[in-house]
PDB file of N, CA and C in Angstrom:
ATOM      1  N   MET A   1      -7.384 -26.344   5.209  1.00  0.00           N
ATOM      2  CA  MET A   1      -7.735 -25.628   4.008  1.00  0.00           C
ATOM      3  C   MET A   1      -7.269 -24.184   4.100  1.00  0.00           C
ATOM      4  N   LYS A   2      -6.661 -23.700   3.067  1.00  0.00           N
ATOM      5  CA  LYS A   2      -6.116 -22.358   3.033  1.00  0.00           C
ATOM      6  C   LYS A   2      -7.212 -21.348   2.721  1.00  0.00           C
ATOM      7  N   LYS A   3      -7.313 -20.285   3.536  1.00  0.00           N
ATOM      8  CA  LYS A   3      -8.295 -19.243   3.300  1.00  0.00           C
ATOM      9  C   LYS A   3      -7.730 -18.221   2.327  1.00  0.00           C
ATOM     10  N   LYS A   4      -8.546 -17.799   1.364  1.00  0.00           N
ATOM     11  CA  LYS A   4      -8.124 -16.753   0.451  1.00  0.00           C
ATOM     12  C   LYS A   4      -8.484 -15.408   1.062  1.00  0.00           C
ATOM     13  N   HIS A   5      -7.570 -14.477   0.957  1.00  0.00           N
ATOM     14  CA  HIS A   5      -7.823 -13.130   1.442  1.00  0.00           C
ATOM     15  C   HIS A   5      -6.922 -12.150   0.707  1.00  0.00           C
ATOM     16  N   ILE A   6      -7.214 -10.876   0.870  1.00  0.00           N
ATOM     17  CA  ILE A   6      -6.360  -9.830   0.309  1.00  0.00           C
ATOM     18  C   ILE A   6      -5.355  -9.482   1.395  1.00  0.00           C
ATOM     19  N   HIS A   7      -4.088  -9.436   1.032  1.00  0.00           N
ATOM     20  CA  HIS A   7      -3.033  -9.213   2.009  1.00  0.00           C
ATOM     21  C   HIS A   7      -2.923  -7.744   2.412  1.00  0.00           C
ATOM     22  N   LYS A   8      -2.438  -7.539   3.621  1.00  0.00           N
ATOM     23  CA  LYS A   8      -2.166  -6.213   4.181  1.00  0.00           C
ATOM     24  C   LYS A   8      -0.670  -6.213   4.503  1.00  0.00           C
ATOM     25  N   TYR A   9       0.107  -5.387   3.812  1.00  0.00           N
ATOM     26  CA  TYR A   9       1.562  -5.518   3.843  1.00  0.00           C
ATOM     27  C   TYR A   9       2.290  -4.520   4.737  1.00  0.00           C
ATOM     28  N   LYS A  10       3.449  -4.984   5.196  1.00  0.00           N
ATOM     29  CA  LYS A  10       4.417  -4.160   5.917  1.00  0.00           C
ATOM     30  C   LYS A  10       5.795  -4.530   5.369  1.00  0.00           C
ATOM     31  N   ARG A  11       6.651  -3.529   5.161  1.00  0.00           N
ATOM     32  CA  ARG A  11       7.995  -3.798   4.650  1.00  0.00           C
ATOM     33  C   ARG A  11       8.898  -4.262   5.788  1.00  0.00           C
ATOM     34  N   VAL A  12       9.637  -5.331   5.548  1.00  0.00           N
ATOM     35  CA  VAL A  12      10.582  -5.860   6.536  1.00  0.00           C
ATOM     36  C   VAL A  12      11.913  -6.138   5.848  1.00  0.00           C
ATOM     37  N   ASN A  13      12.981  -6.129   6.635  1.00  0.00           N
ATOM     38  CA  ASN A  13      14.307  -6.467   6.130  1.00  0.00           C
ATOM     39  C   ASN A  13      14.517  -7.963   6.267  1.00  0.00           C
ATOM     40  N   LEU A  14      15.101  -8.545   5.252  1.00  0.00           N
ATOM     41  CA  LEU A  14      15.373  -9.970   5.275  1.00  0.00           C
ATOM     42  C   LEU A  14      16.875 -10.155   5.132  1.00  0.00           C
ATOM     43  N   GLY A  15      17.472 -10.908   5.996  1.00  0.00           N
ATOM     44  CA  GLY A  15      18.908 -11.142   5.922  1.00  0.00           C
ATOM     45  C   GLY A  15      19.691 -10.196   6.803  1.00  0.00           C
ATOM     46  N   ARG A  16      20.974 -10.430   6.859  1.00  0.00           N
ATOM     47  CA  ARG A  16      21.841  -9.640   7.739  1.00  0.00           C
ATOM     48  C   ARG A  16      22.249  -8.308   7.136  1.00  0.00           C
ATOM     49  N   ASP A  17      22.281  -8.213   5.826  1.00  0.00           N
ATOM     50  CA  ASP A  17      22.778  -6.995   5.196  1.00  0.00           C
ATOM     51  C   ASP A  17      21.783  -5.831   5.253  1.00  0.00           C
ATOM     52  N   LYS A  18      20.539  -6.091   5.659  1.00  0.00           N
ATOM     53  CA  LYS A  18      19.498  -5.076   5.811  1.00  0.00           C
ATOM     54  C   LYS A  18      19.189  -4.346   4.504  1.00  0.00           C
ATOM     55  N   LYS A  19      19.586  -4.913   3.376  1.00  0.00           N
ATOM     56  CA  LYS A  19      19.337  -4.274   2.089  1.00  0.00           C
ATOM     57  C   LYS A  19      18.263  -4.991   1.291  1.00  0.00           C
ATOM     58  N   TYR A  20      17.873  -6.172   1.711  1.00  0.00           N
ATOM     59  CA  TYR A  20      16.884  -6.941   0.976  1.00  0.00           C
ATOM     60  C   TYR A  20      15.529  -6.767   1.655  1.00  0.00           C
ATOM     61  N   HIS A  21      14.702  -5.900   1.078  1.00  0.00           N
ATOM     62  CA  HIS A  21      13.395  -5.612   1.649  1.00  0.00           C
ATOM     63  C   HIS A  21      12.327  -6.461   0.968  1.00  0.00           C
ATOM     64  N   VAL A  22      11.468  -7.037   1.764  1.00  0.00           N
ATOM     65  CA  VAL A  22      10.322  -7.793   1.266  1.00  0.00           C
ATOM     66  C   VAL A  22       9.078  -7.263   1.975  1.00  0.00           C
ATOM     67  N   LEU A  23       7.925  -7.633   1.465  1.00  0.00           N
ATOM     68  CA  LEU A  23       6.674  -7.271   2.106  1.00  0.00           C
ATOM     69  C   LEU A  23       6.111  -8.497   2.799  1.00  0.00           C
ATOM     70  N   ARG A  24       5.644  -8.299   4.020  1.00  0.00           N
ATOM     71  CA  ARG A  24       5.071  -9.385   4.819  1.00  0.00           C
ATOM     72  C   ARG A  24       3.621  -9.047   5.114  1.00  0.00           C
ATOM     73  N   CYS A  25       2.753 -10.021   4.985  1.00  0.00           N
ATOM     74  CA  CYS A  25       1.344  -9.823   5.320  1.00  0.00           C
ATOM     75  C   CYS A  25       1.217  -9.755   6.837  1.00  0.00           C
ATOM     76  N   THR A  26       0.494  -8.746   7.321  1.00  0.00           N
ATOM     77  CA  THR A  26       0.359  -8.540   8.765  1.00  0.00           C
ATOM     78  C   THR A  26      -0.934  -9.110   9.331  1.00  0.00           C
ATOM     79  N   LEU A  27      -1.718  -9.773   8.502  1.00  0.00           N
ATOM     80  CA  LEU A  27      -2.955 -10.369   9.004  1.00  0.00           C
ATOM     81  C   LEU A  27      -2.641 -11.613   9.832  1.00  0.00           C
ATOM     82  N   PRO A  28      -3.443 -11.874  10.874  1.00  0.00           N
ATOM     83  CA  PRO A  28      -3.189 -13.032  11.738  1.00  0.00           C
ATOM     84  C   PRO A  28      -3.237 -14.345  10.955  1.00  0.00           C
ATOM     85  N   HIS A  29      -2.372 -15.245  11.291  1.00  0.00           N
ATOM     86  CA  HIS A  29      -2.299 -16.590  10.709  1.00  0.00           C
ATOM     87  C   HIS A  29      -1.913 -16.597   9.236  1.00  0.00           C
ATOM     88  N   CYS A  30      -1.342 -15.512   8.725  1.00  0.00           N
ATOM     89  CA  CYS A  30      -0.892 -15.485   7.330  1.00  0.00           C
ATOM     90  C   CYS A  30       0.631 -15.407   7.326  1.00  0.00           C
ATOM     91  N   THR A  31       1.266 -16.297   6.593  1.00  0.00           N
ATOM     92  CA  THR A  31       2.724 -16.359   6.548  1.00  0.00           C
ATOM     93  C   THR A  31       3.260 -15.915   5.195  1.00  0.00           C
ATOM     94  N   HIS A  32       2.489 -15.110   4.477  1.00  0.00           N
ATOM     95  CA  HIS A  32       2.841 -14.698   3.121  1.00  0.00           C
ATOM     96  C   HIS A  32       3.930 -13.613   3.117  1.00  0.00           C
ATOM     97  N   TYR A  33       4.953 -13.825   2.291  1.00  0.00           N
ATOM     98  CA  TYR A  33       6.007 -12.843   2.025  1.00  0.00           C
ATOM     99  C   TYR A  33       6.120 -12.692   0.519  1.00  0.00           C
ATOM    100  N   ILE A  34       6.471 -11.476   0.039  1.00  0.00           N
ATOM    101  CA  ILE A  34       6.668 -11.261  -1.394  1.00  0.00           C
ATOM    102  C   ILE A  34       7.738 -10.192  -1.592  1.00  0.00           C
ATOM    103  N   ASP A  35       8.528 -10.344  -2.645  1.00  0.00           N
ATOM    104  CA  ASP A  35       9.534  -9.354  -2.991  1.00  0.00           C
ATOM    105  C   ASP A  35       8.832  -8.042  -3.339  1.00  0.00           C
ATOM    106  N   LYS A  36       9.443  -6.909  -2.979  1.00  0.00           N
ATOM    107  CA  LYS A  36       8.832  -5.605  -3.236  1.00  0.00           C
ATOM    108  C   LYS A  36       8.482  -5.410  -4.706  1.00  0.00           C
ATOM    109  N   GLU A  37       9.402  -5.753  -5.587  1.00  0.00           N
ATOM    110  CA  GLU A  37       9.180  -5.525  -7.012  1.00  0.00           C
ATOM    111  C   GLU A  37       8.058  -6.396  -7.568  1.00  0.00           C
ATOM    112  N   LEU A  38       7.874  -7.574  -7.020  1.00  0.00           N
ATOM    113  CA  LEU A  38       6.801  -8.454  -7.481  1.00  0.00           C
ATOM    114  C   LEU A  38       5.432  -7.998  -6.981  1.00  0.00           C
ATOM    115  N   ALA A  39       5.405  -7.191  -5.934  1.00  0.00           N
ATOM    116  CA  ALA A  39       4.141  -6.712  -5.374  1.00  0.00           C
ATOM    117  C   ALA A  39       3.589  -5.513  -6.136  1.00  0.00           C
ATOM    118  N   LEU A  40       4.385  -4.896  -6.960  1.00  0.00           N
ATOM    119  CA  LEU A  40       3.970  -3.714  -7.711  1.00  0.00           C
ATOM    120  C   LEU A  40       2.736  -4.026  -8.558  1.00  0.00           C
ATOM    121  N   ASN A  41       1.747  -3.146  -8.508  1.00  0.00           N
ATOM    122  CA  ASN A  41       0.481  -3.244  -9.248  1.00  0.00           C
ATOM    123  C   ASN A  41      -0.425  -4.394  -8.805  1.00  0.00           C
ATOM    124  N   ARG A  42      -0.202  -4.929  -7.617  1.00  0.00           N
ATOM    125  CA  ARG A  42      -1.089  -5.962  -7.077  1.00  0.00           C
ATOM    126  C   ARG A  42      -2.093  -5.328  -6.129  1.00  0.00           C
ATOM    127  N   GLU A  43      -3.172  -6.041  -5.902  1.00  0.00           N
ATOM    128  CA  GLU A  43      -4.196  -5.557  -4.988  1.00  0.00           C
ATOM    129  C   GLU A  43      -3.807  -5.894  -3.554  1.00  0.00           C
ATOM    130  N   ALA A  44      -4.060  -4.964  -2.646  1.00  0.00           N
ATOM    131  CA  ALA A  44      -3.751  -5.167  -1.231  1.00  0.00           C
ATOM    132  C   ALA A  44      -4.717  -4.331  -0.406  1.00  0.00           C
ATOM    133  N   LEU A  45      -4.656  -4.509   0.901  1.00  0.00           N
ATOM    134  CA  LEU A  45      -5.427  -3.675   1.812  1.00  0.00           C
ATOM    135  C   LEU A  45      -4.527  -2.551   2.309  1.00  0.00           C
ATOM    136  N   CYS A  46      -5.074  -1.357   2.393  1.00  0.00           N
ATOM    137  CA  CYS A  46      -4.338  -0.224   2.953  1.00  0.00           C
ATOM    138  C   CYS A  46      -4.075  -0.525   4.425  1.00  0.00           C
ATOM    139  N   ALA A  47      -2.869  -0.243   4.887  1.00  0.00           N
ATOM    140  CA  ALA A  47      -2.502  -0.530   6.279  1.00  0.00           C
ATOM    141  C   ALA A  47      -3.183   0.416   7.260  1.00  0.00           C
ATOM    142  N   ILE A  48      -3.753   1.509   6.771  1.00  0.00           N
ATOM    143  CA  ILE A  48      -4.379   2.479   7.666  1.00  0.00           C
ATOM    144  C   ILE A  48      -5.908   2.387   7.615  1.00  0.00           C
ATOM    145  N   CYS A  49      -6.488   2.596   6.426  1.00  0.00           N
ATOM    146  CA  CYS A  49      -7.956   2.588   6.321  1.00  0.00           C
ATOM    147  C   CYS A  49      -8.519   1.210   5.983  1.00  0.00           C
ATOM    148  N   GLU A  50      -7.667   0.278   5.615  1.00  0.00           N
ATOM    149  CA  GLU A  50      -8.019  -1.113   5.296  1.00  0.00           C
ATOM    150  C   GLU A  50      -8.978  -1.254   4.107  1.00  0.00           C
ATOM    151  N   GLU A  51      -8.929  -0.282   3.181  1.00  0.00           N
ATOM    152  CA  GLU A  51      -9.696  -0.378   1.942  1.00  0.00           C
ATOM    153  C   GLU A  51      -8.801  -1.008   0.875  1.00  0.00           C
ATOM    154  N   LYS A  52      -9.416  -1.578  -0.158  1.00  0.00           N
ATOM    155  CA  LYS A  52      -8.643  -2.171  -1.244  1.00  0.00           C
ATOM    156  C   LYS A  52      -7.891  -1.089  -1.996  1.00  0.00           C
ATOM    157  N   MET A  53      -6.683  -1.407  -2.419  1.00  0.00           N
ATOM    158  CA  MET A  53      -5.844  -0.479  -3.174  1.00  0.00           C
ATOM    159  C   MET A  53      -4.953  -1.261  -4.119  1.00  0.00           C
ATOM    160  N   ILE A  54      -4.380  -0.579  -5.087  1.00  0.00           N
ATOM    161  CA  ILE A  54      -3.375  -1.156  -5.969  1.00  0.00           C
ATOM    162  C   ILE A  54      -2.036  -0.624  -5.503  1.00  0.00           C
ATOM    163  N   ILE A  55      -1.058  -1.485  -5.307  1.00  0.00           N
ATOM    164  CA  ILE A  55       0.258  -1.087  -4.803  1.00  0.00           C
ATOM    165  C   ILE A  55       1.016  -0.346  -5.903  1.00  0.00           C
ATOM    166  N   THR A  56       1.428   0.877  -5.595  1.00  0.00           N
ATOM    167  CA  THR A  56       2.201   1.716  -6.519  1.00  0.00           C
ATOM    168  C   THR A  56       3.636   1.841  -6.021  1.00  0.00           C
ATOM    169  N   ARG A  57       4.485   2.436  -6.837  1.00  0.00           N
ATOM    170  CA  ARG A  57       5.877   2.673  -6.405  1.00  0.00           C
ATOM    171  C   ARG A  57       5.907   3.573  -5.171  1.00  0.00           C
ATOM    172  N   ALA A  58       5.029   4.569  -5.127  1.00  0.00           N
ATOM    173  CA  ALA A  58       4.964   5.469  -3.968  1.00  0.00           C
ATOM    174  C   ALA A  58       4.580   4.697  -2.709  1.00  0.00           C
ATOM    175  N   ALA A  59       3.660   3.768  -2.827  1.00  0.00           N
ATOM    176  CA  ALA A  59       3.232   2.974  -1.671  1.00  0.00           C
ATOM    177  C   ALA A  59       4.349   2.060  -1.188  1.00  0.00           C
ATOM    178  N   LEU A  60       5.194   1.597  -2.104  1.00  0.00           N
ATOM    179  CA  LEU A  60       6.298   0.701  -1.726  1.00  0.00           C
ATOM    180  C   LEU A  60       7.378   1.418  -0.918  1.00  0.00           C
ATOM    181  N   ARG A  61       7.422   2.746  -0.976  1.00  0.00           N
ATOM    182  CA  ARG A  61       8.418   3.491  -0.200  1.00  0.00           C
ATOM    183  C   ARG A  61       8.055   3.558   1.278  1.00  0.00           C
ATOM    184  N   ASN A  62       6.803   3.276   1.613  1.00  0.00           N
ATOM    185  CA  ASN A  62       6.346   3.332   3.000  1.00  0.00           C
ATOM    186  C   ASN A  62       6.622   2.020   3.717  1.00  0.00           C
ATOM    187  N   VAL A  63       6.847   2.099   5.016  1.00  0.00           N
ATOM    188  CA  VAL A  63       7.044   0.883   5.808  1.00  0.00           C
ATOM    189  C   VAL A  63       5.736   0.116   5.864  1.00  0.00           C
ATOM    190  N   ARG A  64       4.656   0.807   6.184  1.00  0.00           N
ATOM    191  CA  ARG A  64       3.317   0.214   6.146  1.00  0.00           C
ATOM    192  C   ARG A  64       2.691   0.641   4.831  1.00  0.00           C
ATOM    193  N   VAL A  65       2.437  -0.297   3.961  1.00  0.00           N
ATOM    194  CA  VAL A  65       1.932   0.006   2.624  1.00  0.00           C
ATOM    195  C   VAL A  65       0.513   0.567   2.743  1.00  0.00           C
ATOM    196  N   HIS A  66       0.349   1.852   2.348  1.00  0.00           N
ATOM    197  CA  HIS A  66      -0.964   2.479   2.436  1.00  0.00           C
ATOM    198  C   HIS A  66      -1.272   3.303   1.195  1.00  0.00           C
ATOM    199  N   CYS A  67      -2.546   3.636   1.051  1.00  0.00           N
ATOM    200  CA  CYS A  67      -3.039   4.309  -0.157  1.00  0.00           C
ATOM    201  C   CYS A  67      -2.712   5.806  -0.139  1.00  0.00           C
ATOM    202  N   LEU A  68      -2.911   6.438  -1.281  1.00  0.00           N
ATOM    203  CA  LEU A  68      -2.652   7.863  -1.420  1.00  0.00           C
ATOM    204  C   LEU A  68      -3.589   8.678  -0.534  1.00  0.00           C
ATOM    205  N   LYS A  69      -4.799   8.184  -0.340  1.00  0.00           N
ATOM    206  CA  LYS A  69      -5.779   8.875   0.499  1.00  0.00           C
ATOM    207  C   LYS A  69      -5.279   9.000   1.940  1.00  0.00           C
ATOM    208  N   CYS A  70      -4.532   8.027   2.405  1.00  0.00           N
ATOM    209  CA  CYS A  70      -4.037   8.017   3.791  1.00  0.00           C
ATOM    210  C   CYS A  70      -2.636   8.626   3.923  1.00  0.00           C
ATOM    211  N   THR A  71      -2.084   9.108   2.825  1.00  0.00           N
ATOM    212  CA  THR A  71      -0.749   9.695   2.832  1.00  0.00           C
ATOM    213  C   THR A  71      -0.841  11.198   3.046  1.00  0.00           C
ATOM    214  N   ARG A  72      -0.036  11.724   3.929  1.00  0.00           N
ATOM    215  CA  ARG A  72       0.019  13.168   4.134  1.00  0.00           C
ATOM    216  C   ARG A  72       1.139  13.716   3.260  1.00  0.00           C
ATOM    217  N   SER A  73       0.770  14.314   2.145  1.00  0.00           N
ATOM    218  CA  SER A  73       1.792  14.837   1.251  1.00  0.00           C
ATOM    219  C   SER A  73       1.250  15.990   0.425  1.00  0.00           C
ATOM    220  N   LYS A  74       2.145  16.736  -0.192  1.00  0.00           N
ATOM    221  CA  LYS A  74       1.745  17.826  -1.073  1.00  0.00           C
ATOM    222  C   LYS A  74       0.962  17.277  -2.259  1.00  0.00           C
ATOM    223  N   LYS A  75       1.415  16.135  -2.777  1.00  0.00           N
ATOM    224  CA  LYS A  75       0.762  15.547  -3.944  1.00  0.00           C
ATOM    225  C   LYS A  75      -0.694  15.200  -3.618  1.00  0.00           C
ATOM    226  N   ARG A  76      -0.921  14.667  -2.454  1.00  0.00           N
ATOM    227  CA  ARG A  76      -2.296  14.315  -2.060  1.00  0.00           C
ATOM    228  C   ARG A  76      -3.155  15.558  -1.988  1.00  0.00           C
ATOM    229  N   ASN A  77      -2.610  16.625  -1.401  1.00  0.00           N
ATOM    230  CA  ASN A  77      -3.357  17.871  -1.302  1.00  0.00           C
ATOM    231  C   ASN A  77      -3.677  18.429  -2.683  1.00  0.00           C
ATOM    232  N   GLU A  78      -2.739  18.338  -3.612  1.00  0.00           N
ATOM    233  CA  GLU A  78      -2.970  18.802  -4.975  1.00  0.00           C
ATOM    234  C   GLU A  78      -4.055  17.965  -5.645  1.00  0.00           C
ATOM    235  N   VAL A  79      -4.006  16.666  -5.470  1.00  0.00           N
ATOM    236  CA  VAL A  79      -5.003  15.777  -6.056  1.00  0.00           C
ATOM    237  C   VAL A  79      -6.383  16.102  -5.490  1.00  0.00           C
ATOM    238  N   GLU A  80      -6.464  16.336  -4.183  1.00  0.00           N
ATOM    239  CA  GLU A  80      -7.741  16.680  -3.570  1.00  0.00           C
ATOM    240  C   GLU A  80      -8.287  17.986  -4.127  1.00  0.00           C
ATOM    241  N   ARG A  81      -7.413  18.995  -4.305  1.00  0.00           N
ATOM    242  CA  ARG A  81      -7.851  20.278  -4.864  1.00  0.00           C
ATOM    243  C   ARG A  81      -8.356  20.115  -6.297  1.00  0.00           C
ATOM    244  N   ILE A  82      -7.655  19.339  -7.089  1.00  0.00           N
ATOM    245  CA  ILE A  82      -8.071  19.101  -8.480  1.00  0.00           C
ATOM    246  C   ILE A  82      -9.420  18.394  -8.517  1.00  0.00           C
ATOM    247  N   LEU A  83      -9.579  17.353  -7.688  1.00  0.00           N
ATOM    248  CA  LEU A  83     -10.857  16.638  -7.642  1.00  0.00           C
ATOM    249  C   LEU A  83     -11.993  17.555  -7.189  1.00  0.00           C
ATOM    250  N   GLU A  84     -11.709  18.414  -6.245  1.00  0.00           N
ATOM    251  CA  GLU A  84     -12.710  19.360  -5.768  1.00  0.00           C
ATOM    252  C   GLU A  84     -13.121  20.327  -6.878  1.00  0.00           C
ATOM    253  N   LEU A  85     -12.141  20.827  -7.645  1.00  0.00           N
ATOM    254  CA  LEU A  85     -12.439  21.722  -8.773  1.00  0.00           C
ATOM    255  C   LEU A  85     -13.266  21.014  -9.834  1.00  0.00           C
ATOM    256  N   ILE A  86     -12.915  19.783 -10.120  1.00  0.00           N
ATOM    257  CA  ILE A  86     -13.668  19.008 -11.113  1.00  0.00           C
ATOM    258  C   ILE A  86     -15.091  18.797 -10.635  1.00  0.00           C
ATOM    259  N   GLU A  87     -15.233  18.454  -9.361  1.00  0.00           N
ATOM    260  CA  GLU A  87     -16.563  18.200  -8.795  1.00  0.00           C
ATOM    261  C   GLU A  87     -17.432  19.446  -8.832  1.00  0.00           C
ATOM    262  N   THR A  88     -16.879  20.597  -8.462  1.00  0.00           N
ATOM    263  CA  THR A  88     -17.660  21.844  -8.476  1.00  0.00           C
ATOM    264  C   THR A  88     -17.948  22.300  -9.904  1.00  0.00           C
ATOM    265  N   GLY A  89     -17.080  21.988 -10.820  1.00  0.00           N
ATOM    266  CA  GLY A  89     -17.308  22.332 -12.233  1.00  0.00           C
ATOM    267  C   GLY A  89     -18.376  21.494 -12.881  1.00  0.00           C
ATOM    268  N   MET A  90     -18.607  20.296 -12.360  1.00  0.00           N
ATOM    269  CA  MET A  90     -19.614  19.382 -12.921  1.00  0.00           C
ATOM    270  C   MET A  90     -21.031  19.795 -12.525  1.00  0.00           C
ATOM    271  N   ARG A  91     -21.162  20.566 -11.464  1.00  0.00           N
ATOM    272  CA  ARG A  91     -22.505  20.926 -10.961  1.00  0.00           C
ATOM    273  C   ARG A  91     -23.118  22.030 -11.748  1.00  0.00           C
TER     274      ARG A  91
END
């Protein structure tokens, strides 16, 4: 019987030309593969914090598909500052 679960993805190259990237589930005993474009806007587990997330175009650029919260970037810092301002303004 097949167990249902939310996949945790890693980008891998398929074929000799190294240009065809697919996502592979890294959970034990799971043989699931999916084309990068078909994975867009699907639910997955973050490869770092293992929380549920929706796969975005930004997440597809990473080798290990992870959420914005686990990404070290200027955009994340800006989002955190905006959320902090909103939170302090609500009080």
